[in-house]
Amino acid sequence: MFSLVYQIYKQLGAKSIVLQTVPNMKNNPYYVNISSPTPGDVIFWEKDVTKNDKKYWLSVHVGIYIGNGQFVPTSFDTKKVAIDNISGTYQDGMPYFARWSHT
């Protein structure tokens, strides 16, 4: 998924953005945490969760917020891009939003 975020931001003019892992993205000073997300912002999760005896590795997952409680992730299982809701498992993972602040 981090490559999808990179490609989209790069195409939209974030010239100084670099391809990096999710943990490195979280620590990148150009991703500024925000409290009121708008479409195009990045969504991260702060912890992993277990639901129905299945472990979800949310702390290494990232997506692009599209509004109305929805975001675009890439499925680890299918390797496809889809639209998903920030609810259920994702909400339990403590989401937070960031915006690339450097062009």
Protein backbone atom coordinates (compact mmCIF):
# COMPACT_ATOMS: atom_id res chain seq x y z
CA MET A 1 0.00 0.00 0.00
CA PHE A 2 2.79 2.42 0.76
CA SER A 3 3.71 2.36 -2.94
CA LEU A 4 0.14 3.41 -3.85
CA VAL A 5 0.34 6.38 -1.46
CA TYR A 6 3.72 7.29 -2.94
CA GLN A 7 2.49 7.07 -6.55
CA ILE A 8 -0.63 9.15 -5.92
CA TYR A 9 1.16 11.88 -3.97
CA LYS A 10 3.98 11.96 -6.53
CA GLN A 11 1.50 12.38 -9.41
CA LEU A 12 -0.23 15.19 -7.51
CA GLY A 13 2.99 17.18 -7.20
CA ALA A 14 4.68 16.08 -3.97
CA LYS A 15 8.09 16.33 -5.62
CA SER A 16 10.12 15.59 -2.50
CA ILE A 17 8.17 12.49 -1.47
CA VAL A 18 10.18 9.26 -1.31
CA LEU A 19 9.11 5.63 -1.46
CA GLN A 20 9.42 4.22 2.06
CA THR A 21 7.95 1.65 4.40
CA VAL A 22 4.92 2.44 6.55
CA PRO A 23 6.96 2.76 9.78
CA ASN A 24 9.28 5.21 8.02
CA MET A 25 6.28 7.11 6.62
CA LYS A 26 4.91 7.46 10.16
CA ASN A 27 8.22 8.95 11.30
CA ASN A 28 8.68 11.22 8.29
CA PRO A 29 8.45 14.85 9.48
CA TYR A 30 6.68 15.89 6.28
CA TYR A 31 3.61 13.80 7.21
CA VAL A 32 1.93 16.23 9.59
CA ASN A 33 -0.77 14.80 11.90
CA ILE A 34 -4.15 16.46 11.49
CA SER A 35 -7.39 16.22 13.46
CA SER A 36 -9.88 16.99 10.66
CA PRO A 37 -9.09 14.85 7.64
CA THR A 38 -10.06 15.79 4.11
CA PRO A 39 -10.04 13.58 1.02
CA GLY A 40 -6.49 12.85 -0.04
CA ASP A 41 -5.05 12.71 3.47
CA VAL A 42 -3.17 9.62 4.59
CA ILE A 43 -4.55 7.34 7.30
CA PHE A 44 -2.30 5.29 9.58
CA TRP A 45 -3.08 2.98 12.51
CA GLU A 46 -1.27 2.90 15.84
CA LYS A 47 -1.79 -0.71 16.88
CA ASP A 48 -2.50 -4.22 15.66
CA VAL A 49 -5.76 -5.92 16.61
CA THR A 50 -7.15 -9.42 16.92
CA LYS A 51 -10.73 -10.10 15.86
CA ASN A 52 -12.39 -13.51 15.65
CA ASP A 53 -9.05 -15.18 16.43
CA LYS A 54 -7.40 -13.51 13.43
CA LYS A 55 -4.50 -11.06 13.78
CA TYR A 56 -4.67 -7.84 11.72
CA TRP A 57 -1.35 -6.02 11.30
CA LEU A 58 -2.79 -2.51 11.17
CA SER A 59 0.28 -0.73 12.52
CA VAL A 60 2.03 -1.38 9.20
CA HIS A 61 -1.02 -0.50 7.09
CA VAL A 62 -1.72 2.82 5.40
CA GLY A 63 -4.46 4.16 3.15
CA ILE A 64 -5.73 7.31 1.49
CA TYR A 65 -8.79 8.92 3.04
CA ILE A 66 -11.57 9.69 0.51
CA GLY A 67 -14.18 11.19 2.88
CA ASN A 68 -17.35 9.97 4.59
CA GLY A 69 -15.44 7.51 6.80
CA GLN A 70 -13.97 5.70 3.80
CA PHE A 71 -10.44 5.14 2.54
CA VAL A 72 -8.59 3.38 -0.25
CA PRO A 73 -6.40 0.49 0.94
CA THR A 74 -4.63 -2.26 -0.94
CA SER A 75 -5.59 -5.74 0.15
CA PHE A 76 -2.68 -7.83 1.39
CA ASP A 77 -4.59 -10.95 0.39
CA THR A 78 -5.78 -9.99 -3.11
CA LYS A 79 -3.24 -7.24 -3.92
CA LYS A 80 -6.14 -5.18 -5.29
CA VAL A 81 -7.19 -1.61 -4.61
CA ALA A 82 -10.66 -1.19 -3.11
CA ILE A 83 -12.74 1.18 -0.99
CA ASP A 84 -13.18 0.28 2.66
CA ASN A 85 -14.84 1.83 5.72
CA ILE A 86 -12.96 3.05 8.77
CA SER A 87 -14.98 0.93 11.12
CA GLY A 88 -14.85 -2.47 12.75
CA THR A 89 -11.34 -3.84 12.71
CA TYR A 90 -9.80 -0.64 11.35
CA GLN A 91 -11.47 1.55 13.98
CA ASP A 92 -10.19 -0.73 16.74
CA GLY A 93 -6.69 -0.09 15.43
CA MET A 94 -6.78 3.57 16.51
CA PRO A 95 -6.58 5.43 13.20
CA TYR A 96 -4.93 8.79 12.82
CA PHE A 97 -4.56 11.05 9.82
CA ALA A 98 -1.64 12.89 8.29
CA ARG A 99 -1.03 15.20 5.39
CA TRP A 100 2.10 15.51 3.25
CA SER A 101 3.26 19.05 3.98
CA HIS A 102 6.25 19.47 1.68
CA THR A 103 6.27 19.94 -2.10
